[in-house]
Amino acid sequence: MSDLLLKAQTMYTPQLTDFLNLREQTILNNLINKYDDLFVHYFGGYDNAERVRGIIAPDYFVPKDSDYDVSMYEIRYPEKFANLHLGLLK
């Protein structure tokens, strides 16, 4: 994260993070508070997404949804012959 913050500050270019969970977002928010000229914007593809991508950028930058490089997929399958279940890893 520190590398992304430094790049955004020195190069004045937006830096895209990987997907972040809530804890990682909190850490990034705490780190970015040390930079007066940087801001972080989050987007996960839909409201209240559990994992989101962040764009660390100078405070004048206003990101578009397409800047986050997030794609949605629709899964179509024959419901008559198959069932999808959410399984938990043990």
PDB file of N, CA and C in Angstrom:
ATOM      1  N   MET A   1       0.826  -1.191   0.000  1.00  0.00           N
ATOM      2  CA  MET A   1       0.000   0.000   0.000  1.00  0.00           C
ATOM      3  C   MET A   1       0.868   1.251   0.000  1.00  0.00           C
ATOM      4  N   SER A   2       1.933   1.221   0.765  1.00  0.00           N
ATOM      5  CA  SER A   2       2.801   2.398   0.849  1.00  0.00           C
ATOM      6  C   SER A   2       3.371   2.765  -0.513  1.00  0.00           C
ATOM      7  N   ASP A   3       3.708   1.751  -1.315  1.00  0.00           N
ATOM      8  CA  ASP A   3       4.231   2.016  -2.662  1.00  0.00           C
ATOM      9  C   ASP A   3       3.190   2.734  -3.517  1.00  0.00           C
ATOM     10  N   LEU A   4       1.937   2.277  -3.445  1.00  0.00           N
ATOM     11  CA  LEU A   4       0.866   2.918  -4.216  1.00  0.00           C
ATOM     12  C   LEU A   4       0.652   4.360  -3.771  1.00  0.00           C
ATOM     13  N   LEU A   5       0.704   4.584  -2.469  1.00  0.00           N
ATOM     14  CA  LEU A   5       0.538   5.941  -1.953  1.00  0.00           C
ATOM     15  C   LEU A   5       1.668   6.849  -2.433  1.00  0.00           C
ATOM     16  N   LEU A   6       2.880   6.338  -2.399  1.00  0.00           N
ATOM     17  CA  LEU A   6       4.028   7.126  -2.836  1.00  0.00           C
ATOM     18  C   LEU A   6       3.964   7.436  -4.334  1.00  0.00           C
ATOM     19  N   LYS A   7       3.568   6.438  -5.140  1.00  0.00           N
ATOM     20  CA  LYS A   7       3.431   6.665  -6.584  1.00  0.00           C
ATOM     21  C   LYS A   7       2.364   7.715  -6.880  1.00  0.00           C
ATOM     22  N   ALA A   8       1.243   7.611  -6.210  1.00  0.00           N
ATOM     23  CA  ALA A   8       0.156   8.574  -6.432  1.00  0.00           C
ATOM     24  C   ALA A   8       0.594   9.984  -6.053  1.00  0.00           C
ATOM     25  N   GLN A   9       1.374  10.088  -4.993  1.00  0.00           N
ATOM     26  CA  GLN A   9       1.802  11.408  -4.533  1.00  0.00           C
ATOM     27  C   GLN A   9       2.900  11.995  -5.418  1.00  0.00           C
ATOM     28  N   THR A  10       3.875  11.207  -5.791  1.00  0.00           N
ATOM     29  CA  THR A  10       5.003  11.749  -6.543  1.00  0.00           C
ATOM     30  C   THR A  10       4.737  11.879  -8.037  1.00  0.00           C
ATOM     31  N   MET A  11       3.909  10.981  -8.578  1.00  0.00           N
ATOM     32  CA  MET A  11       3.652  10.993 -10.023  1.00  0.00           C
ATOM     33  C   MET A  11       2.321  11.662 -10.379  1.00  0.00           C
ATOM     34  N   TYR A  12       1.510  11.996  -9.371  1.00  0.00           N
ATOM     35  CA  TYR A  12       0.190  12.612  -9.586  1.00  0.00           C
ATOM     36  C   TYR A  12      -0.688  11.776 -10.519  1.00  0.00           C
ATOM     37  N   THR A  13      -0.610  10.459 -10.373  1.00  0.00           N
ATOM     38  CA  THR A  13      -1.432   9.562 -11.188  1.00  0.00           C
ATOM     39  C   THR A  13      -2.236   8.648 -10.279  1.00  0.00           C
ATOM     40  N   PRO A  14      -3.464   8.322 -10.667  1.00  0.00           N
ATOM     41  CA  PRO A  14      -4.285   7.407  -9.874  1.00  0.00           C
ATOM     42  C   PRO A  14      -3.662   6.015  -9.818  1.00  0.00           C
ATOM     43  N   GLN A  15      -3.777   5.377  -8.670  1.00  0.00           N
ATOM     44  CA  GLN A  15      -3.248   4.026  -8.460  1.00  0.00           C
ATOM     45  C   GLN A  15      -4.394   3.115  -8.033  1.00  0.00           C
ATOM     46  N   LEU A  16      -4.591   2.027  -8.754  1.00  0.00           N
ATOM     47  CA  LEU A  16      -5.685   1.085  -8.497  1.00  0.00           C
ATOM     48  C   LEU A  16      -5.207  -0.043  -7.588  1.00  0.00           C
ATOM     49  N   THR A  17      -5.957  -0.315  -6.535  1.00  0.00           N
ATOM     50  CA  THR A  17      -5.619  -1.410  -5.622  1.00  0.00           C
ATOM     51  C   THR A  17      -6.242  -2.712  -6.106  1.00  0.00           C
ATOM     52  N   ASP A  18      -5.830  -3.807  -5.495  1.00  0.00           N
ATOM     53  CA  ASP A  18      -6.527  -5.076  -5.663  1.00  0.00           C
ATOM     54  C   ASP A  18      -7.852  -4.953  -4.910  1.00  0.00           C
ATOM     55  N   PHE A  19      -8.653  -6.020  -4.919  1.00  0.00           N
ATOM     56  CA  PHE A  19      -9.879  -6.011  -4.127  1.00  0.00           C
ATOM     57  C   PHE A  19      -9.512  -6.025  -2.646  1.00  0.00           C
ATOM     58  N   LEU A  20     -10.178  -5.183  -1.878  1.00  0.00           N
ATOM     59  CA  LEU A  20      -9.885  -5.033  -0.457  1.00  0.00           C
ATOM     60  C   LEU A  20     -11.099  -5.402   0.381  1.00  0.00           C
ATOM     61  N   ASN A  21     -10.854  -6.108   1.493  1.00  0.00           N
ATOM     62  CA  ASN A  21     -11.943  -6.374   2.432  1.00  0.00           C
ATOM     63  C   ASN A  21     -12.059  -5.184   3.389  1.00  0.00           C
ATOM     64  N   LEU A  22     -12.981  -5.228   4.304  1.00  0.00           N
ATOM     65  CA  LEU A  22     -13.236  -4.102   5.198  1.00  0.00           C
ATOM     66  C   LEU A  22     -12.019  -3.760   6.051  1.00  0.00           C
ATOM     67  N   ARG A  23     -11.315  -4.746   6.540  1.00  0.00           N
ATOM     68  CA  ARG A  23     -10.120  -4.506   7.359  1.00  0.00           C
ATOM     69  C   ARG A  23      -9.044  -3.806   6.543  1.00  0.00           C
ATOM     70  N   GLU A  24      -8.831  -4.264   5.315  1.00  0.00           N
ATOM     71  CA  GLU A  24      -7.825  -3.649   4.451  1.00  0.00           C
ATOM     72  C   GLU A  24      -8.209  -2.213   4.085  1.00  0.00           C
ATOM     73  N   GLN A  25      -9.497  -1.967   3.926  1.00  0.00           N
ATOM     74  CA  GLN A  25      -9.969  -0.602   3.656  1.00  0.00           C
ATOM     75  C   GLN A  25      -9.676   0.313   4.845  1.00  0.00           C
ATOM     76  N   THR A  26      -9.886  -0.206   6.050  1.00  0.00           N
ATOM     77  CA  THR A  26      -9.613   0.568   7.258  1.00  0.00           C
ATOM     78  C   THR A  26      -8.128   0.906   7.351  1.00  0.00           C
ATOM     79  N   ILE A  27      -7.280  -0.052   7.045  1.00  0.00           N
ATOM     80  CA  ILE A  27      -5.836   0.186   7.065  1.00  0.00           C
ATOM     81  C   ILE A  27      -5.463   1.253   6.040  1.00  0.00           C
ATOM     82  N   LEU A  28      -6.004   1.136   4.825  1.00  0.00           N
ATOM     83  CA  LEU A  28      -5.716   2.123   3.786  1.00  0.00           C
ATOM     84  C   LEU A  28      -6.219   3.503   4.201  1.00  0.00           C
ATOM     85  N   ASN A  29      -7.395   3.576   4.774  1.00  0.00           N
ATOM     86  CA  ASN A  29      -7.927   4.866   5.228  1.00  0.00           C
ATOM     87  C   ASN A  29      -7.009   5.508   6.275  1.00  0.00           C
ATOM     88  N   ASN A  30      -6.468   4.694   7.184  1.00  0.00           N
ATOM     89  CA  ASN A  30      -5.551   5.216   8.200  1.00  0.00           C
ATOM     90  C   ASN A  30      -4.250   5.697   7.572  1.00  0.00           C
ATOM     91  N   LEU A  31      -3.747   4.966   6.592  1.00  0.00           N
ATOM     92  CA  LEU A  31      -2.508   5.362   5.920  1.00  0.00           C
ATOM     93  C   LEU A  31      -2.690   6.643   5.116  1.00  0.00           C
ATOM     94  N   ILE A  32      -3.810   6.740   4.420  1.00  0.00           N
ATOM     95  CA  ILE A  32      -4.009   7.893   3.533  1.00  0.00           C
ATOM     96  C   ILE A  32      -4.218   9.185   4.315  1.00  0.00           C
ATOM     97  N   ASN A  33      -4.608   9.083   5.574  1.00  0.00           N
ATOM     98  CA  ASN A  33      -4.773  10.276   6.414  1.00  0.00           C
ATOM     99  C   ASN A  33      -3.455  11.010   6.639  1.00  0.00           C
ATOM    100  N   LYS A  34      -2.339  10.341   6.377  1.00  0.00           N
ATOM    101  CA  LYS A  34      -1.021  10.962   6.541  1.00  0.00           C
ATOM    102  C   LYS A  34      -0.638  11.820   5.333  1.00  0.00           C
ATOM    103  N   TYR A  35      -1.437  11.754   4.270  1.00  0.00           N
ATOM    104  CA  TYR A  35      -1.169  12.496   3.042  1.00  0.00           C
ATOM    105  C   TYR A  35      -2.259  13.542   2.846  1.00  0.00           C
ATOM    106  N   ASP A  36      -1.884  14.799   2.883  1.00  0.00           N
ATOM    107  CA  ASP A  36      -2.865  15.882   2.751  1.00  0.00           C
ATOM    108  C   ASP A  36      -3.453  15.994   1.350  1.00  0.00           C
ATOM    109  N   ASP A  37      -2.684  15.600   0.340  1.00  0.00           N
ATOM    110  CA  ASP A  37      -3.096  15.819  -1.045  1.00  0.00           C
ATOM    111  C   ASP A  37      -3.647  14.578  -1.736  1.00  0.00           C
ATOM    112  N   LEU A  38      -3.849  13.483  -0.993  1.00  0.00           N
ATOM    113  CA  LEU A  38      -4.367  12.248  -1.584  1.00  0.00           C
ATOM    114  C   LEU A  38      -5.724  11.888  -0.999  1.00  0.00           C
ATOM    115  N   PHE A  39      -6.483  11.154  -1.806  1.00  0.00           N
ATOM    116  CA  PHE A  39      -7.802  10.685  -1.391  1.00  0.00           C
ATOM    117  C   PHE A  39      -7.986   9.284  -1.950  1.00  0.00           C
ATOM    118  N   VAL A  40      -8.800   8.475  -1.300  1.00  0.00           N
ATOM    119  CA  VAL A  40      -9.088   7.134  -1.815  1.00  0.00           C
ATOM    120  C   VAL A  40     -10.579   7.036  -2.114  1.00  0.00           C
ATOM    121  N   HIS A  41     -10.900   6.481  -3.269  1.00  0.00           N
ATOM    122  CA  HIS A  41     -12.277   6.243  -3.707  1.00  0.00           C
ATOM    123  C   HIS A  41     -12.452   4.732  -3.803  1.00  0.00           C
ATOM    124  N   TYR A  42     -13.623   4.227  -3.413  1.00  0.00           N
ATOM    125  CA  TYR A  42     -13.887   2.781  -3.446  1.00  0.00           C
ATOM    126  C   TYR A  42     -15.055   2.461  -4.361  1.00  0.00           C
ATOM    127  N   PHE A  43     -14.976   1.273  -4.978  1.00  0.00           N
ATOM    128  CA  PHE A  43     -16.069   0.787  -5.832  1.00  0.00           C
ATOM    129  C   PHE A  43     -15.989  -0.731  -5.901  1.00  0.00           C
ATOM    130  N   GLY A  44     -17.131  -1.390  -5.722  1.00  0.00           N
ATOM    131  CA  GLY A  44     -17.154  -2.851  -5.766  1.00  0.00           C
ATOM    132  C   GLY A  44     -18.095  -3.414  -6.807  1.00  0.00           C
ATOM    133  N   GLY A  45     -18.657  -2.568  -7.656  1.00  0.00           N
ATOM    134  CA  GLY A  45     -19.556  -3.054  -8.698  1.00  0.00           C
ATOM    135  C   GLY A  45     -21.015  -2.869  -8.352  1.00  0.00           C
ATOM    136  N   TYR A  46     -21.328  -2.807  -7.065  1.00  0.00           N
ATOM    137  CA  TYR A  46     -22.708  -2.598  -6.618  1.00  0.00           C
ATOM    138  C   TYR A  46     -22.667  -2.049  -5.194  1.00  0.00           C
ATOM    139  N   ASP A  47     -23.767  -1.491  -4.734  1.00  0.00           N
ATOM    140  CA  ASP A  47     -23.838  -0.908  -3.395  1.00  0.00           C
ATOM    141  C   ASP A  47     -23.579  -1.957  -2.324  1.00  0.00           C
ATOM    142  N   ASN A  48     -22.843  -1.580  -1.300  1.00  0.00           N
ATOM    143  CA  ASN A  48     -22.545  -2.421  -0.144  1.00  0.00           C
ATOM    144  C   ASN A  48     -21.787  -3.697  -0.498  1.00  0.00           C
ATOM    145  N   ALA A  49     -20.950  -3.643  -1.518  1.00  0.00           N
ATOM    146  CA  ALA A  49     -20.136  -4.813  -1.883  1.00  0.00           C
ATOM    147  C   ALA A  49     -19.179  -5.127  -0.734  1.00  0.00           C
ATOM    148  N   GLU A  50     -18.984  -6.412  -0.466  1.00  0.00           N
ATOM    149  CA  GLU A  50     -18.120  -6.824   0.635  1.00  0.00           C
ATOM    150  C   GLU A  50     -16.652  -6.522   0.328  1.00  0.00           C
ATOM    151  N   ARG A  51     -16.260  -6.721  -0.909  1.00  0.00           N
ATOM    152  CA  ARG A  51     -14.884  -6.429  -1.332  1.00  0.00           C
ATOM    153  C   ARG A  51     -14.931  -5.377  -2.430  1.00  0.00           C
ATOM    154  N   VAL A  52     -14.059  -4.411  -2.332  1.00  0.00           N
ATOM    155  CA  VAL A  52     -14.058  -3.294  -3.270  1.00  0.00           C
ATOM    156  C   VAL A  52     -12.630  -3.017  -3.735  1.00  0.00           C
ATOM    157  N   ARG A  53     -12.525  -2.320  -4.861  1.00  0.00           N
ATOM    158  CA  ARG A  53     -11.228  -1.834  -5.317  1.00  0.00           C
ATOM    159  C   ARG A  53     -11.140  -0.367  -4.945  1.00  0.00           C
ATOM    160  N   GLY A  54      -9.945   0.079  -4.674  1.00  0.00           N
ATOM    161  CA  GLY A  54      -9.737   1.475  -4.347  1.00  0.00           C
ATOM    162  C   GLY A  54      -8.893   2.157  -5.402  1.00  0.00           C
ATOM    163  N   ILE A  55      -9.130   3.425  -5.582  1.00  0.00           N
ATOM    164  CA  ILE A  55      -8.265   4.254  -6.414  1.00  0.00           C
ATOM    165  C   ILE A  55      -7.689   5.326  -5.495  1.00  0.00           C
ATOM    166  N   ILE A  56      -6.370   5.287  -5.369  1.00  0.00           N
ATOM    167  CA  ILE A  56      -5.646   6.294  -4.602  1.00  0.00           C
ATOM    168  C   ILE A  56      -5.224   7.354  -5.606  1.00  0.00           C
ATOM    169  N   ALA A  57      -5.638   8.585  -5.357  1.00  0.00           N
ATOM    170  CA  ALA A  57      -5.388   9.632  -6.351  1.00  0.00           C
ATOM    171  C   ALA A  57      -5.289  10.997  -5.678  1.00  0.00           C
ATOM    172  N   PRO A  58      -4.717  11.956  -6.413  1.00  0.00           N
ATOM    173  CA  PRO A  58      -4.750  13.333  -5.905  1.00  0.00           C
ATOM    174  C   PRO A  58      -6.196  13.764  -5.656  1.00  0.00           C
ATOM    175  N   ASP A  59      -6.373  14.679  -4.738  1.00  0.00           N
ATOM    176  CA  ASP A  59      -7.716  15.047  -4.301  1.00  0.00           C
ATOM    177  C   ASP A  59      -8.598  15.650  -5.395  1.00  0.00           C
ATOM    178  N   TYR A  60      -8.027  16.118  -6.500  1.00  0.00           N
ATOM    179  CA  TYR A  60      -8.831  16.696  -7.584  1.00  0.00           C
ATOM    180  C   TYR A  60      -9.367  15.647  -8.553  1.00  0.00           C
ATOM    181  N   PHE A  61      -8.883  14.402  -8.470  1.00  0.00           N
ATOM    182  CA  PHE A  61      -9.289  13.345  -9.400  1.00  0.00           C
ATOM    183  C   PHE A  61     -10.677  12.818  -9.048  1.00  0.00           C
ATOM    184  N   VAL A  62     -11.551  12.734 -10.055  1.00  0.00           N
ATOM    185  CA  VAL A  62     -12.893  12.177  -9.866  1.00  0.00           C
ATOM    186  C   VAL A  62     -13.000  10.929 -10.741  1.00  0.00           C
ATOM    187  N   PRO A  63     -13.005   9.731 -10.122  1.00  0.00           N
ATOM    188  CA  PRO A  63     -13.017   8.503 -10.924  1.00  0.00           C
ATOM    189  C   PRO A  63     -14.388   8.193 -11.515  1.00  0.00           C
ATOM    190  N   LYS A  64     -14.355   7.471 -12.642  1.00  0.00           N
ATOM    191  CA  LYS A  64     -15.569   6.907 -13.242  1.00  0.00           C
ATOM    192  C   LYS A  64     -15.601   5.422 -12.874  1.00  0.00           C
ATOM    193  N   ASP A  65     -16.762   4.813 -12.954  1.00  0.00           N
ATOM    194  CA  ASP A  65     -16.870   3.382 -12.636  1.00  0.00           C
ATOM    195  C   ASP A  65     -15.914   2.547 -13.477  1.00  0.00           C
ATOM    196  N   SER A  66     -15.711   2.926 -14.730  1.00  0.00           N
ATOM    197  CA  SER A  66     -14.837   2.158 -15.620  1.00  0.00           C
ATOM    198  C   SER A  66     -13.371   2.226 -15.185  1.00  0.00           C
ATOM    199  N   ASP A  67     -12.988   3.221 -14.397  1.00  0.00           N
ATOM    200  CA  ASP A  67     -11.607   3.333 -13.913  1.00  0.00           C
ATOM    201  C   ASP A  67     -11.225   2.206 -12.951  1.00  0.00           C
ATOM    202  N   TYR A  68     -12.220   1.572 -12.354  1.00  0.00           N
ATOM    203  CA  TYR A  68     -11.955   0.524 -11.366  1.00  0.00           C
ATOM    204  C   TYR A  68     -11.673  -0.841 -11.991  1.00  0.00           C
ATOM    205  N   ASP A  69     -11.885  -0.969 -13.288  1.00  0.00           N
ATOM    206  CA  ASP A  69     -11.600  -2.218 -13.998  1.00  0.00           C
ATOM    207  C   ASP A  69     -12.317  -3.414 -13.352  1.00  0.00           C
ATOM    208  N   VAL A  70     -13.613  -3.223 -13.068  1.00  0.00           N
ATOM    209  CA  VAL A  70     -14.451  -4.273 -12.477  1.00  0.00           C
ATOM    210  C   VAL A  70     -15.442  -4.734 -13.533  1.00  0.00           C
ATOM    211  N   SER A  71     -15.546  -6.055 -13.704  1.00  0.00           N
ATOM    212  CA  SER A  71     -16.486  -6.628 -14.671  1.00  0.00           C
ATOM    213  C   SER A  71     -17.463  -7.541 -13.957  1.00  0.00           C
ATOM    214  N   MET A  72     -18.690  -7.527 -14.427  1.00  0.00           N
ATOM    215  CA  MET A  72     -19.710  -8.414 -13.872  1.00  0.00           C
ATOM    216  C   MET A  72     -19.959  -9.534 -14.871  1.00  0.00           C
ATOM    217  N   TYR A  73     -20.211 -10.706 -14.377  1.00  0.00           N
ATOM    218  CA  TYR A  73     -20.503 -11.853 -15.217  1.00  0.00           C
ATOM    219  C   TYR A  73     -21.868 -12.406 -14.853  1.00  0.00           C
ATOM    220  N   GLU A  74     -22.572 -12.875 -15.846  1.00  0.00           N
ATOM    221  CA  GLU A  74     -23.841 -13.554 -15.619  1.00  0.00           C
ATOM    222  C   GLU A  74     -23.630 -15.025 -15.928  1.00  0.00           C
ATOM    223  N   ILE A  75     -24.051 -15.871 -15.014  1.00  0.00           N
ATOM    224  CA  ILE A  75     -23.909 -17.309 -15.208  1.00  0.00           C
ATOM    225  C   ILE A  75     -25.266 -17.864 -15.620  1.00  0.00           C
ATOM    226  N   ARG A  76     -25.294 -18.484 -16.767  1.00  0.00           N
ATOM    227  CA  ARG A  76     -26.517 -19.149 -17.235  1.00  0.00           C
ATOM    228  C   ARG A  76     -26.239 -20.641 -17.285  1.00  0.00           C
ATOM    229  N   TYR A  77     -27.155 -21.392 -16.728  1.00  0.00           N
ATOM    230  CA  TYR A  77     -26.994 -22.838 -16.706  1.00  0.00           C
ATOM    231  C   TYR A  77     -28.370 -23.477 -16.791  1.00  0.00           C
ATOM    232  N   PRO A  78     -28.431 -24.725 -17.215  1.00  0.00           N
ATOM    233  CA  PRO A  78     -29.737 -25.394 -17.322  1.00  0.00           C
ATOM    234  C   PRO A  78     -30.264 -25.765 -15.939  1.00  0.00           C
ATOM    235  N   GLU A  79     -31.164 -24.946 -15.421  1.00  0.00           N
ATOM    236  CA  GLU A  79     -31.692 -25.156 -14.076  1.00  0.00           C
ATOM    237  C   GLU A  79     -32.395 -26.505 -13.930  1.00  0.00           C
ATOM    238  N   LYS A  80     -32.894 -27.014 -15.021  1.00  0.00           N
ATOM    239  CA  LYS A  80     -33.593 -28.289 -14.978  1.00  0.00           C
ATOM    240  C   LYS A  80     -32.642 -29.437 -14.623  1.00  0.00           C
ATOM    241  N   PHE A  81     -31.357 -29.307 -14.999  1.00  0.00           N
ATOM    242  CA  PHE A  81     -30.411 -30.401 -14.827  1.00  0.00           C
ATOM    243  C   PHE A  81     -29.322 -30.129 -13.789  1.00  0.00           C
ATOM    244  N   ALA A  82     -29.262 -28.922 -13.272  1.00  0.00           N
ATOM    245  CA  ALA A  82     -28.174 -28.601 -12.346  1.00  0.00           C
ATOM    246  C   ALA A  82     -28.642 -27.604 -11.287  1.00  0.00           C
ATOM    247  N   ASN A  83     -27.978 -27.631 -10.159  1.00  0.00           N
ATOM    248  CA  ASN A  83     -28.226 -26.683  -9.064  1.00  0.00           C
ATOM    249  C   ASN A  83     -26.901 -26.076  -8.652  1.00  0.00           C
ATOM    250  N   LEU A  84     -26.905 -24.791  -8.405  1.00  0.00           N
ATOM    251  CA  LEU A  84     -25.716 -24.124  -7.888  1.00  0.00           C
ATOM    252  C   LEU A  84     -25.893 -23.905  -6.403  1.00  0.00           C
ATOM    253  N   HIS A  85     -24.861 -24.180  -5.638  1.00  0.00           N
ATOM    254  CA  HIS A  85     -24.883 -23.986  -4.187  1.00  0.00           C
ATOM    255  C   HIS A  85     -23.643 -23.219  -3.781  1.00  0.00           C
ATOM    256  N   LEU A  86     -23.803 -22.385  -2.774  1.00  0.00           N
ATOM    257  CA  LEU A  86     -22.671 -21.679  -2.203  1.00  0.00           C
ATOM    258  C   LEU A  86     -22.048 -22.584  -1.164  1.00  0.00           C
ATOM    259  N   GLY A  87     -20.844 -23.045  -1.427  1.00  0.00           N
ATOM    260  CA  GLY A  87     -20.162 -23.941  -0.502  1.00  0.00           C
ATOM    261  C   GLY A  87     -19.134 -23.180   0.319  1.00  0.00           C
ATOM    262  N   LEU A  88     -18.920 -23.592   1.521  1.00  0.00           N
ATOM    263  CA  LEU A  88     -17.922 -22.980   2.382  1.00  0.00           C
ATOM    264  C   LEU A  88     -16.693 -23.881   2.444  1.00  0.00           C
ATOM    265  N   LEU A  89     -15.532 -23.257   2.356  1.00  0.00           N
ATOM    266  CA  LEU A  89     -14.281 -24.002   2.460  1.00  0.00           C
ATOM    267  C   LEU A  89     -14.007 -24.321   3.914  1.00  0.00           C
ATOM    268  N   LYS A  90     -13.514 -25.507   4.143  1.00  0.00           N
ATOM    269  CA  LYS A  90     -13.206 -25.899   5.525  1.00  0.00           C
ATOM    270  C   LYS A  90     -11.720 -26.013   5.712  1.00  0.00           C
TER     271      LYS A  90
END
